Amino acid sequence: LGASGETGVGLEDTMWPLIGEGLVDLVATDHQVCDGVRLEAA
């Protein structure tokens, strides 16, 4: 994403620190978060 320039945001400042601390949990685009809450691919 950063290489493609699609985000327009410096990922080094926004996402890498969160990933480095283990605070990002990557999930599938059809992930069931909990009963009654789910993601839908778009």
Full PDB file with SEQRES, HELIX, SHEET, SSBOND, CRYST1, ORIGX, SCALE, CONECT and MASTER records, all heavy atoms in Angstrom:
SEQRES   1 A   42  LEU GLY ALA SER GLY GLU THR GLY VAL GLY LEU GLU ASP          
SEQRES   2 A   42  THR MET TRP PRO LEU ILE GLY GLU GLY LEU VAL ASP LEU          
SEQRES   3 A   42  VAL ALA THR ASP HIS GLN VAL CYS ASP GLY VAL ARG LEU          
SEQRES   4 A   42  GLU ALA ALA                                                  
HELIX    1 AA1 LEU A   11  THR A   14  1                                   4    
HELIX    2 AA2 TRP A   16  GLY A   20  1                                   5    
SHEET    1 AA1 2 GLN A  32  CYS A  34  0                                        
SHEET    2 AA1 2 VAL A  37  ARG A  38 -1                                        
CRYST1    1.000    1.000    1.000  90.00  90.00  90.00 P 1           1          
ORIGX1      1.000000  0.000000  0.000000        0.00000                         
ORIGX2      0.000000  1.000000  0.000000        0.00000                         
ORIGX3      0.000000  0.000000  1.000000        0.00000                         
SCALE1      1.000000  0.000000  0.000000        0.00000                         
SCALE2      0.000000  1.000000  0.000000        0.00000                         
SCALE3      0.000000  0.000000  1.000000        0.00000                         
ATOM      1  N   LEU A   1       0.831  -1.205   0.000  1.00  0.00           N  
ATOM      2  CA  LEU A   1       0.000   0.000   0.000  1.00  0.00           C  
ATOM      3  C   LEU A   1       0.863   1.253   0.000  1.00  0.00           C  
ATOM      4  O   LEU A   1       0.610   2.195  -0.748  1.00  0.00           O  
ATOM      5  CB  LEU A   1      -0.929   0.026   1.206  1.00  0.00           C  
ATOM      6  CG  LEU A   1      -2.131  -0.888   1.152  1.00  0.00           C  
ATOM      7  CD1 LEU A   1      -2.836  -0.880   2.498  1.00  0.00           C  
ATOM      8  CD2 LEU A   1      -3.075  -0.486   0.047  1.00  0.00           C  
ATOM      9  N   GLY A   2       1.868   1.260   0.840  1.00  0.00           N  
ATOM     10  CA  GLY A   2       2.744   2.422   0.917  1.00  0.00           C  
ATOM     11  C   GLY A   2       3.499   2.647  -0.375  1.00  0.00           C  
ATOM     12  O   GLY A   2       3.639   3.766  -0.851  1.00  0.00           O  
ATOM     13  N   ALA A   3       3.956   1.565  -1.016  1.00  0.00           N  
ATOM     14  CA  ALA A   3       4.701   1.681  -2.265  1.00  0.00           C  
ATOM     15  C   ALA A   3       3.816   2.156  -3.391  1.00  0.00           C  
ATOM     16  O   ALA A   3       4.257   2.867  -4.281  1.00  0.00           O  
ATOM     17  CB  ALA A   3       5.334   0.335  -2.618  1.00  0.00           C  
ATOM     18  N   SER A   4       2.547   1.776  -3.359  1.00  0.00           N  
ATOM     19  CA  SER A   4       1.652   2.158  -4.446  1.00  0.00           C  
ATOM     20  C   SER A   4       1.160   3.588  -4.291  1.00  0.00           C  
ATOM     21  O   SER A   4       0.614   4.160  -5.216  1.00  0.00           O  
ATOM     22  CB  SER A   4       0.440   1.218  -4.489  1.00  0.00           C  
ATOM     23  OG  SER A   4      -0.393   1.443  -3.372  1.00  0.00           O  
ATOM     24  N   GLY A   5       1.320   4.163  -3.088  1.00  0.00           N  
ATOM     25  CA  GLY A   5       0.852   5.520  -2.851  1.00  0.00           C  
ATOM     26  C   GLY A   5      -0.656   5.613  -2.721  1.00  0.00           C  
ATOM     27  O   GLY A   5      -1.220   6.694  -2.719  1.00  0.00           O  
ATOM     28  N   GLU A   6      -1.350   4.470  -2.598  1.00  0.00           N  
ATOM     29  CA  GLU A   6      -2.811   4.479  -2.565  1.00  0.00           C  
ATOM     30  C   GLU A   6      -3.374   5.108  -1.299  1.00  0.00           C  
ATOM     31  O   GLU A   6      -4.462   5.643  -1.309  1.00  0.00           O  
ATOM     32  CB  GLU A   6      -3.354   3.055  -2.679  1.00  0.00           C  
ATOM     33  CG  GLU A   6      -3.154   2.455  -4.043  1.00  0.00           C  
ATOM     34  CD  GLU A   6      -3.684   1.035  -4.098  1.00  0.00           C  
ATOM     35  OE1 GLU A   6      -4.599   0.709  -3.334  1.00  0.00           O  
ATOM     36  OE2 GLU A   6      -3.180   0.265  -4.911  1.00  0.00           O  
ATOM     37  N   THR A   7      -2.649   5.028  -0.216  1.00  0.00           N  
ATOM     38  CA  THR A   7      -3.221   5.489   1.040  1.00  0.00           C  
ATOM     39  C   THR A   7      -3.058   6.983   1.248  1.00  0.00           C  
ATOM     40  O   THR A   7      -3.861   7.599   1.921  1.00  0.00           O  
ATOM     41  CB  THR A   7      -2.580   4.768   2.238  1.00  0.00           C  
ATOM     42  OG1 THR A   7      -1.200   5.103   2.269  1.00  0.00           O  
ATOM     43  CG2 THR A   7      -2.771   3.275   2.144  1.00  0.00           C  
ATOM     44  N   GLY A   8      -2.009   7.571   0.699  1.00  0.00           N  
ATOM     45  CA  GLY A   8      -1.766   8.988   0.914  1.00  0.00           C  
ATOM     46  C   GLY A   8      -1.359   9.292   2.352  1.00  0.00           C  
ATOM     47  O   GLY A   8      -1.324  10.429   2.766  1.00  0.00           O  
ATOM     48  N   VAL A   9      -1.058   8.265   3.132  1.00  0.00           N  
ATOM     49  CA  VAL A   9      -0.696   8.429   4.531  1.00  0.00           C  
ATOM     50  C   VAL A   9       0.655   7.777   4.749  1.00  0.00           C  
ATOM     51  O   VAL A   9       0.939   6.723   4.190  1.00  0.00           O  
ATOM     52  CB  VAL A   9      -1.746   7.746   5.445  1.00  0.00           C  
ATOM     53  CG1 VAL A   9      -1.321   7.797   6.894  1.00  0.00           C  
ATOM     54  CG2 VAL A   9      -3.101   8.376   5.238  1.00  0.00           C  
ATOM     55  N   GLY A  10       1.497   8.393   5.554  1.00  0.00           N  
ATOM     56  CA  GLY A  10       2.776   7.781   5.878  1.00  0.00           C  
ATOM     57  C   GLY A  10       2.566   6.601   6.802  1.00  0.00           C  
ATOM     58  O   GLY A  10       2.358   6.768   7.996  1.00  0.00           O  
ATOM     59  N   LEU A  11       2.585   5.403   6.249  1.00  0.00           N  
ATOM     60  CA  LEU A  11       2.318   4.209   7.041  1.00  0.00           C  
ATOM     61  C   LEU A  11       3.362   3.988   8.128  1.00  0.00           C  
ATOM     62  O   LEU A  11       3.065   3.367   9.145  1.00  0.00           O  
ATOM     63  CB  LEU A  11       2.221   2.985   6.131  1.00  0.00           C  
ATOM     64  CG  LEU A  11       1.067   3.007   5.143  1.00  0.00           C  
ATOM     65  CD1 LEU A  11       1.128   1.788   4.230  1.00  0.00           C  
ATOM     66  CD2 LEU A  11      -0.261   3.042   5.866  1.00  0.00           C  
ATOM     67  N   GLU A  12       4.556   4.516   7.909  1.00  0.00           N  
ATOM     68  CA  GLU A  12       5.596   4.353   8.928  1.00  0.00           C  
ATOM     69  C   GLU A  12       5.154   4.989  10.245  1.00  0.00           C  
ATOM     70  O   GLU A  12       5.465   4.507  11.316  1.00  0.00           O  
ATOM     71  CB  GLU A  12       6.910   5.015   8.503  1.00  0.00           C  
ATOM     72  CG  GLU A  12       7.389   4.742   7.106  1.00  0.00           C  
ATOM     73  CD  GLU A  12       6.648   5.532   6.031  1.00  0.00           C  
ATOM     74  OE1 GLU A  12       6.288   6.712   6.221  1.00  0.00           O  
ATOM     75  OE2 GLU A  12       6.407   4.938   4.978  1.00  0.00           O  
ATOM     76  N   ASP A  13       4.422   6.083  10.140  1.00  0.00           N  
ATOM     77  CA  ASP A  13       3.987   6.807  11.342  1.00  0.00           C  
ATOM     78  C   ASP A  13       2.668   6.293  11.909  1.00  0.00           C  
ATOM     79  O   ASP A  13       2.395   6.483  13.085  1.00  0.00           O  
ATOM     80  CB  ASP A  13       3.802   8.299  11.028  1.00  0.00           C  
ATOM     81  CG  ASP A  13       5.108   8.968  10.670  1.00  0.00           C  
ATOM     82  OD1 ASP A  13       6.171   8.428  11.025  1.00  0.00           O  
ATOM     83  OD2 ASP A  13       5.063  10.024  10.016  1.00  0.00           O  
ATOM     84  N   THR A  14       1.836   5.687  11.060  1.00  0.00           N  
ATOM     85  CA  THR A  14       0.492   5.339  11.510  1.00  0.00           C  
ATOM     86  C   THR A  14       0.320   3.859  11.819  1.00  0.00           C  
ATOM     87  O   THR A  14      -0.251   3.515  12.846  1.00  0.00           O  
ATOM     88  CB  THR A  14      -0.551   5.746  10.453  1.00  0.00           C  
ATOM     89  OG1 THR A  14      -0.237   5.113   9.218  1.00  0.00           O  
ATOM     90  CG2 THR A  14      -0.583   7.258  10.269  1.00  0.00           C  
ATOM     91  N   MET A  15       0.774   3.001  10.939  1.00  0.00           N  
ATOM     92  CA  MET A  15       0.493   1.569  11.113  1.00  0.00           C  
ATOM     93  C   MET A  15       1.660   0.763  11.678  1.00  0.00           C  
ATOM     94  O   MET A  15       1.458  -0.134  12.487  1.00  0.00           O  
ATOM     95  CB  MET A  15       0.049   0.953   9.788  1.00  0.00           C  
ATOM     96  CG  MET A  15      -1.299   1.457   9.319  1.00  0.00           C  
ATOM     97  SD  MET A  15      -2.646   1.184  10.503  1.00  0.00           S  
ATOM     98  CE  MET A  15      -2.733  -0.593  10.552  1.00  0.00           C  
ATOM     99  N   TRP A  16       2.872   1.046  11.239  1.00  0.00           N  
ATOM    100  CA  TRP A  16       4.003   0.234  11.683  1.00  0.00           C  
ATOM    101  C   TRP A  16       4.157   0.206  13.192  1.00  0.00           C  
ATOM    102  O   TRP A  16       4.415  -0.863  13.762  1.00  0.00           O  
ATOM    103  CB  TRP A  16       5.291   0.685  11.003  1.00  0.00           C  
ATOM    104  CG  TRP A  16       5.369   0.221   9.571  1.00  0.00           C  
ATOM    105  CD1 TRP A  16       5.397   1.002   8.466  1.00  0.00           C  
ATOM    106  CD2 TRP A  16       5.404  -1.124   9.105  1.00  0.00           C  
ATOM    107  NE1 TRP A  16       5.434   0.231   7.333  1.00  0.00           N  
ATOM    108  CE2 TRP A  16       5.443  -1.089   7.693  1.00  0.00           C  
ATOM    109  CE3 TRP A  16       5.383  -2.368   9.735  1.00  0.00           C  
ATOM    110  CZ2 TRP A  16       5.474  -2.234   6.916  1.00  0.00           C  
ATOM    111  CZ3 TRP A  16       5.421  -3.514   8.946  1.00  0.00           C  
ATOM    112  CH2 TRP A  16       5.469  -3.438   7.566  1.00  0.00           C  
ATOM    113  N   PRO A  17       4.007   1.320  13.890  1.00  0.00           N  
ATOM    114  CA  PRO A  17       4.121   1.236  15.359  1.00  0.00           C  
ATOM    115  C   PRO A  17       3.068   0.314  15.978  1.00  0.00           C  
ATOM    116  O   PRO A  17       3.355  -0.416  16.925  1.00  0.00           O  
ATOM    117  CB  PRO A  17       3.926   2.686  15.810  1.00  0.00           C  
ATOM    118  CG  PRO A  17       4.324   3.510  14.635  1.00  0.00           C  
ATOM    119  CD  PRO A  17       3.879   2.716  13.430  1.00  0.00           C  
ATOM    120  N   LEU A  18       1.860   0.343  15.435  1.00  0.00           N  
ATOM    121  CA  LEU A  18       0.801  -0.524  15.959  1.00  0.00           C  
ATOM    122  C   LEU A  18       1.096  -1.989  15.682  1.00  0.00           C  
ATOM    123  O   LEU A  18       0.900  -2.847  16.549  1.00  0.00           O  
ATOM    124  CB  LEU A  18      -0.546  -0.127  15.346  1.00  0.00           C  
ATOM    125  CG  LEU A  18      -1.017   1.298  15.639  1.00  0.00           C  
ATOM    126  CD1 LEU A  18      -2.261   1.624  14.828  1.00  0.00           C  
ATOM    127  CD2 LEU A  18      -1.257   1.487  17.122  1.00  0.00           C  
ATOM    128  N   ILE A  19       1.558  -2.278  14.486  1.00  0.00           N  
ATOM    129  CA  ILE A  19       1.911  -3.657  14.147  1.00  0.00           C  
ATOM    130  C   ILE A  19       3.068  -4.125  15.007  1.00  0.00           C  
ATOM    131  O   ILE A  19       3.052  -5.235  15.558  1.00  0.00           O  
ATOM    132  CB  ILE A  19       2.250  -3.784  12.647  1.00  0.00           C  
ATOM    133  CG1 ILE A  19       0.976  -3.637  11.823  1.00  0.00           C  
ATOM    134  CG2 ILE A  19       2.929  -5.120  12.346  1.00  0.00           C  
ATOM    135  CD1 ILE A  19       1.199  -3.585  10.329  1.00  0.00           C  
ATOM    136  N   GLY A  20       4.069  -3.268  15.163  1.00  0.00           N  
ATOM    137  CA  GLY A  20       5.235  -3.622  15.964  1.00  0.00           C  
ATOM    138  C   GLY A  20       4.891  -3.947  17.403  1.00  0.00           C  
ATOM    139  O   GLY A  20       5.543  -4.781  18.032  1.00  0.00           O  
ATOM    140  N   GLU A  21       3.862  -3.331  17.933  1.00  0.00           N  
ATOM    141  CA  GLU A  21       3.431  -3.581  19.309  1.00  0.00           C  
ATOM    142  C   GLU A  21       2.431  -4.727  19.413  1.00  0.00           C  
ATOM    143  O   GLU A  21       1.938  -5.026  20.496  1.00  0.00           O  
ATOM    144  CB  GLU A  21       2.809  -2.311  19.910  1.00  0.00           C  
ATOM    145  CG  GLU A  21       3.799  -1.188  20.123  1.00  0.00           C  
ATOM    146  CD  GLU A  21       4.872  -1.545  21.148  1.00  0.00           C  
ATOM    147  OE1 GLU A  21       4.545  -2.184  22.163  1.00  0.00           O  
ATOM    148  OE2 GLU A  21       6.044  -1.192  20.904  1.00  0.00           O  
ATOM    149  N   GLY A  22       2.095  -5.344  18.285  1.00  0.00           N  
ATOM    150  CA  GLY A  22       1.155  -6.462  18.306  1.00  0.00           C  
ATOM    151  C   GLY A  22      -0.289  -6.032  18.494  1.00  0.00           C  
ATOM    152  O   GLY A  22      -1.123  -6.819  18.938  1.00  0.00           O  
ATOM    153  N   LEU A  23      -0.616  -4.790  18.156  1.00  0.00           N  
ATOM    154  CA  LEU A  23      -1.964  -4.266  18.367  1.00  0.00           C  
ATOM    155  C   LEU A  23      -2.864  -4.396  17.144  1.00  0.00           C  
ATOM    156  O   LEU A  23      -4.031  -4.028  17.210  1.00  0.00           O  
ATOM    157  CB  LEU A  23      -1.885  -2.791  18.788  1.00  0.00           C  
ATOM    158  CG  LEU A  23      -1.126  -2.536  20.089  1.00  0.00           C  
ATOM    159  CD1 LEU A  23      -0.961  -1.043  20.322  1.00  0.00           C  
ATOM    160  CD2 LEU A  23      -1.845  -3.192  21.254  1.00  0.00           C  
ATOM    161  N   VAL A  24      -2.320  -4.890  16.043  1.00  0.00           N  
ATOM    162  CA  VAL A  24      -3.099  -5.052  14.815  1.00  0.00           C  
ATOM    163  C   VAL A  24      -3.383  -6.528  14.621  1.00  0.00           C  
ATOM    164  O   VAL A  24      -2.475  -7.352  14.662  1.00  0.00           O  
ATOM    165  CB  VAL A  24      -2.340  -4.476  13.591  1.00  0.00           C  
ATOM    166  CG1 VAL A  24      -3.074  -4.774  12.306  1.00  0.00           C  
ATOM    167  CG2 VAL A  24      -2.124  -2.986  13.763  1.00  0.00           C  
ATOM    168  N   ASP A  25      -4.640  -6.843  14.434  1.00  0.00           N  
ATOM    169  CA  ASP A  25      -5.046  -8.223  14.188  1.00  0.00           C  
ATOM    170  C   ASP A  25      -5.663  -8.266  12.793  1.00  0.00           C  
ATOM    171  O   ASP A  25      -6.778  -7.775  12.591  1.00  0.00           O  
ATOM    172  CB  ASP A  25      -6.060  -8.660  15.243  1.00  0.00           C  
ATOM    173  CG  ASP A  25      -6.291 -10.157  15.248  1.00  0.00           C  
ATOM    174  OD1 ASP A  25      -5.513 -10.893  14.612  1.00  0.00           O  
ATOM    175  OD2 ASP A  25      -7.247 -10.586  15.909  1.00  0.00           O  
ATOM    176  N   LEU A  26      -4.930  -8.792  11.837  1.00  0.00           N  
ATOM    177  CA  LEU A  26      -5.439  -8.871  10.474  1.00  0.00           C  
ATOM    178  C   LEU A  26      -6.461  -9.992  10.381  1.00  0.00           C  
ATOM    179  O   LEU A  26      -6.231 -11.098  10.870  1.00  0.00           O  
ATOM    180  CB  LEU A  26      -4.289  -9.105   9.499  1.00  0.00           C  
ATOM    181  CG  LEU A  26      -3.233  -8.006   9.490  1.00  0.00           C  
ATOM    182  CD1 LEU A  26      -2.047  -8.405   8.636  1.00  0.00           C  
ATOM    183  CD2 LEU A  26      -3.841  -6.698   9.007  1.00  0.00           C  
ATOM    184  N   VAL A  27      -7.590  -9.698   9.755  1.00  0.00           N  
ATOM    185  CA  VAL A  27      -8.668 -10.672   9.642  1.00  0.00           C  
ATOM    186  C   VAL A  27      -9.145 -10.719   8.191  1.00  0.00           C  
ATOM    187  O   VAL A  27      -8.880  -9.805   7.409  1.00  0.00           O  
ATOM    188  CB  VAL A  27      -9.860 -10.328  10.575  1.00  0.00           C  
ATOM    189  CG1 VAL A  27      -9.420 -10.369  12.039  1.00  0.00           C  
ATOM    190  CG2 VAL A  27     -10.461  -8.981  10.236  1.00  0.00           C  
ATOM    191  N   ALA A  28      -9.891 -11.742   7.866  1.00  0.00           N  
ATOM    192  CA  ALA A  28     -10.465 -11.878   6.527  1.00  0.00           C  
ATOM    193  C   ALA A  28     -11.565 -10.839   6.340  1.00  0.00           C  
ATOM    194  O   ALA A  28     -12.148 -10.345   7.312  1.00  0.00           O  
ATOM    195  CB  ALA A  28     -11.034 -13.280   6.338  1.00  0.00           C  
ATOM    196  N   THR A  29     -11.864 -10.526   5.094  1.00  0.00           N  
ATOM    197  CA  THR A  29     -12.879  -9.510   4.811  1.00  0.00           C  
ATOM    198  C   THR A  29     -14.295  -9.996   5.105  1.00  0.00           C  
ATOM    199  O   THR A  29     -15.233  -9.201   5.039  1.00  0.00           O  
ATOM    200  CB  THR A  29     -12.787  -9.032   3.354  1.00  0.00           C  
ATOM    201  OG1 THR A  29     -12.902 -10.155   2.490  1.00  0.00           O  
ATOM    202  CG2 THR A  29     -11.474  -8.299   3.107  1.00  0.00           C  
ATOM    203  N   ASP A  30     -14.462 -11.253   5.455  1.00  0.00           N  
ATOM    204  CA  ASP A  30     -15.780 -11.770   5.849  1.00  0.00           C  
ATOM    205  C   ASP A  30     -15.768 -12.201   7.322  1.00  0.00           C  
ATOM    206  O   ASP A  30     -16.553 -13.050   7.737  1.00  0.00           O  
ATOM    207  CB  ASP A  30     -16.199 -12.936   4.948  1.00  0.00           C  
ATOM    208  CG  ASP A  30     -15.262 -14.135   5.061  1.00  0.00           C  
ATOM    209  OD1 ASP A  30     -14.169 -14.017   5.680  1.00  0.00           O  
ATOM    210  OD2 ASP A  30     -15.612 -15.194   4.520  1.00  0.00           O  
ATOM    211  N   HIS A  31     -14.920 -11.584   8.101  1.00  0.00           N  
ATOM    212  CA  HIS A  31     -14.710 -11.948   9.509  1.00  0.00           C  
ATOM    213  C   HIS A  31     -15.960 -11.702  10.360  1.00  0.00           C  
ATOM    214  O   HIS A  31     -16.623 -10.673  10.237  1.00  0.00           O  
ATOM    215  CB  HIS A  31     -13.543 -11.134  10.068  1.00  0.00           C  
ATOM    216  CG  HIS A  31     -13.211 -11.421  11.489  1.00  0.00           C  
ATOM    217  ND1 HIS A  31     -12.652 -12.608  11.891  1.00  0.00           N  
ATOM    218  CD2 HIS A  31     -13.344 -10.664  12.603  1.00  0.00           C  
ATOM    219  CE1 HIS A  31     -12.464 -12.575  13.199  1.00  0.00           C  
ATOM    220  NE2 HIS A  31     -12.876 -11.402  13.659  1.00  0.00           N  
ATOM    221  N   GLN A  32     -16.267 -12.662  11.232  1.00  0.00           N  
ATOM    222  CA  GLN A  32     -17.336 -12.519  12.225  1.00  0.00           C  
ATOM    223  C   GLN A  32     -16.674 -11.976  13.484  1.00  0.00           C  
ATOM    224  O   GLN A  32     -15.900 -12.682  14.135  1.00  0.00           O  
ATOM    225  CB  GLN A  32     -17.996 -13.876  12.499  1.00  0.00           C  
ATOM    226  CG  GLN A  32     -19.110 -13.840  13.508  1.00  0.00           C  
ATOM    227  CD  GLN A  32     -20.428 -13.407  12.882  1.00  0.00           C  
ATOM    228  OE1 GLN A  32     -20.681 -13.652  11.716  1.00  0.00           O  
ATOM    229  NE2 GLN A  32     -21.261 -12.767  13.679  1.00  0.00           N  
ATOM    230  N   VAL A  33     -16.948 -10.720  13.837  1.00  0.00           N  
ATOM    231  CA  VAL A  33     -16.316 -10.082  14.982  1.00  0.00           C  
ATOM    232  C   VAL A  33     -16.849 -10.690  16.277  1.00  0.00           C  
ATOM    233  O   VAL A  33     -16.095 -11.040  17.171  1.00  0.00           O  
ATOM    234  CB  VAL A  33     -16.541  -8.555  14.953  1.00  0.00           C  
ATOM    235  CG1 VAL A  33     -15.939  -7.883  16.179  1.00  0.00           C  
ATOM    236  CG2 VAL A  33     -15.970  -7.956  13.669  1.00  0.00           C  
ATOM    237  N   CYS A  34     -18.169 -10.789  16.371  1.00  0.00           N  
ATOM    238  CA  CYS A  34     -18.850 -11.406  17.506  1.00  0.00           C  
ATOM    239  C   CYS A  34     -20.285 -11.660  17.064  1.00  0.00           C  
ATOM    240  O   CYS A  34     -20.654 -11.325  15.935  1.00  0.00           O  
ATOM    241  CB  CYS A  34     -18.795 -10.515  18.748  1.00  0.00           C  
ATOM    242  SG  CYS A  34     -19.598  -8.916  18.550  1.00  0.00           S  
ATOM    243  N   ASP A  35     -21.110 -12.233  17.942  1.00  0.00           N  
ATOM    244  CA  ASP A  35     -22.513 -12.432  17.582  1.00  0.00           C  
ATOM    245  C   ASP A  35     -23.126 -11.098  17.185  1.00  0.00           C  
ATOM    246  O   ASP A  35     -23.062 -10.128  17.944  1.00  0.00           O  
ATOM    247  CB  ASP A  35     -23.302 -13.024  18.745  1.00  0.00           C  
ATOM    248  CG  ASP A  35     -22.984 -14.497  18.981  1.00  0.00           C  
ATOM    249  OD1 ASP A  35     -22.395 -15.133  18.080  1.00  0.00           O  
ATOM    250  OD2 ASP A  35     -23.325 -14.993  20.067  1.00  0.00           O  
ATOM    251  N   GLY A  36     -23.679 -11.037  15.983  1.00  0.00           N  
ATOM    252  CA  GLY A  36     -24.363  -9.841  15.532  1.00  0.00           C  
ATOM    253  C   GLY A  36     -23.492  -8.788  14.875  1.00  0.00           C  
ATOM    254  O   GLY A  36     -24.005  -7.767  14.415  1.00  0.00           O  
ATOM    255  N   VAL A  37     -22.193  -9.004  14.819  1.00  0.00           N  
ATOM    256  CA  VAL A  37     -21.295  -8.034  14.176  1.00  0.00           C  
ATOM    257  C   VAL A  37     -20.344  -8.785  13.256  1.00  0.00           C  
ATOM    258  O   VAL A  37     -19.627  -9.686  13.698  1.00  0.00           O  
ATOM    259  CB  VAL A  37     -20.481  -7.223  15.214  1.00  0.00           C  
ATOM    260  CG1 VAL A  37     -19.552  -6.233  14.521  1.00  0.00           C  
ATOM    261  CG2 VAL A  37     -21.407  -6.511  16.188  1.00  0.00           C  
ATOM    262  N   ARG A  38     -20.376  -8.407  11.976  1.00  0.00           N  
ATOM    263  CA  ARG A  38     -19.501  -9.071  11.005  1.00  0.00           C  
ATOM    264  C   ARG A  38     -19.018  -8.066   9.970  1.00  0.00           C  
ATOM    265  O   ARG A  38     -19.570  -6.981   9.824  1.00  0.00           O  
ATOM    266  CB  ARG A  38     -20.240 -10.215  10.318  1.00  0.00           C  
ATOM    267  CG  ARG A  38     -21.430  -9.777   9.507  1.00  0.00           C  
ATOM    268  CD  ARG A  38     -22.189 -10.970   8.885  1.00  0.00           C  
ATOM    269  NE  ARG A  38     -23.451 -10.553   8.328  1.00  0.00           N  
ATOM    270  CZ  ARG A  38     -23.618 -10.008   7.131  1.00  0.00           C  
ATOM    271  NH1 ARG A  38     -22.569  -9.822   6.349  1.00  0.00           N  
ATOM    272  NH2 ARG A  38     -24.811  -9.654   6.702  1.00  0.00           N  
ATOM    273  N   LEU A  39     -17.984  -8.464   9.274  1.00  0.00           N  
ATOM    274  CA  LEU A  39     -17.459  -7.668   8.173  1.00  0.00           C  
ATOM    275  C   LEU A  39     -17.985  -8.236   6.865  1.00  0.00           C  
ATOM    276  O   LEU A  39     -18.268  -9.427   6.772  1.00  0.00           O  
ATOM    277  CB  LEU A  39     -15.933  -7.691   8.167  1.00  0.00           C  
ATOM    278  CG  LEU A  39     -15.246  -7.208   9.444  1.00  0.00           C  
ATOM    279  CD1 LEU A  39     -13.735  -7.305   9.301  1.00  0.00           C  
ATOM    280  CD2 LEU A  39     -15.678  -5.801   9.795  1.00  0.00           C  
ATOM    281  N   GLU A  40     -18.103  -7.367   5.885  1.00  0.00           N  
ATOM    282  CA  GLU A  40     -18.570  -7.758   4.566  1.00  0.00           C  
ATOM    283  C   GLU A  40     -17.606  -7.126   3.546  1.00  0.00           C  
ATOM    284  O   GLU A  40     -17.389  -5.911   3.574  1.00  0.00           O  
ATOM    285  CB  GLU A  40     -19.991  -7.220   4.381  1.00  0.00           C  
ATOM    286  CG  GLU A  40     -20.660  -7.588   3.112  1.00  0.00           C  
ATOM    287  CD  GLU A  40     -22.113  -7.123   3.130  1.00  0.00           C  
ATOM    288  OE1 GLU A  40     -22.954  -7.844   3.704  1.00  0.00           O  
ATOM    289  OE2 GLU A  40     -22.378  -6.033   2.601  1.00  0.00           O  
ATOM    290  N   ALA A  41     -17.027  -7.951   2.684  1.00  0.00           N  
ATOM    291  CA  ALA A  41     -16.077  -7.453   1.694  1.00  0.00           C  
ATOM    292  C   ALA A  41     -16.716  -6.365   0.837  1.00  0.00           C  
ATOM    293  O   ALA A  41     -17.877  -6.472   0.439  1.00  0.00           O  
ATOM    294  CB  ALA A  41     -15.594  -8.602   0.814  1.00  0.00           C  
ATOM    295  N   ALA A  42     -15.952  -5.316   0.569  1.00  0.00           N  
ATOM    296  CA  ALA A  42     -16.413  -4.195  -0.256  1.00  0.00           C  
ATOM    297  C   ALA A  42     -15.257  -3.753  -1.152  1.00  0.00           C  
ATOM    298  O   ALA A  42     -14.731  -2.652  -1.006  1.00  0.00           O  
ATOM    299  CB  ALA A  42     -16.916  -3.057   0.627  1.00  0.00           C  
TER     300      ALA A  42                                                      
MASTER        0    0    0    2    2    0    0    6  299    1    0    4          
END                                                                             
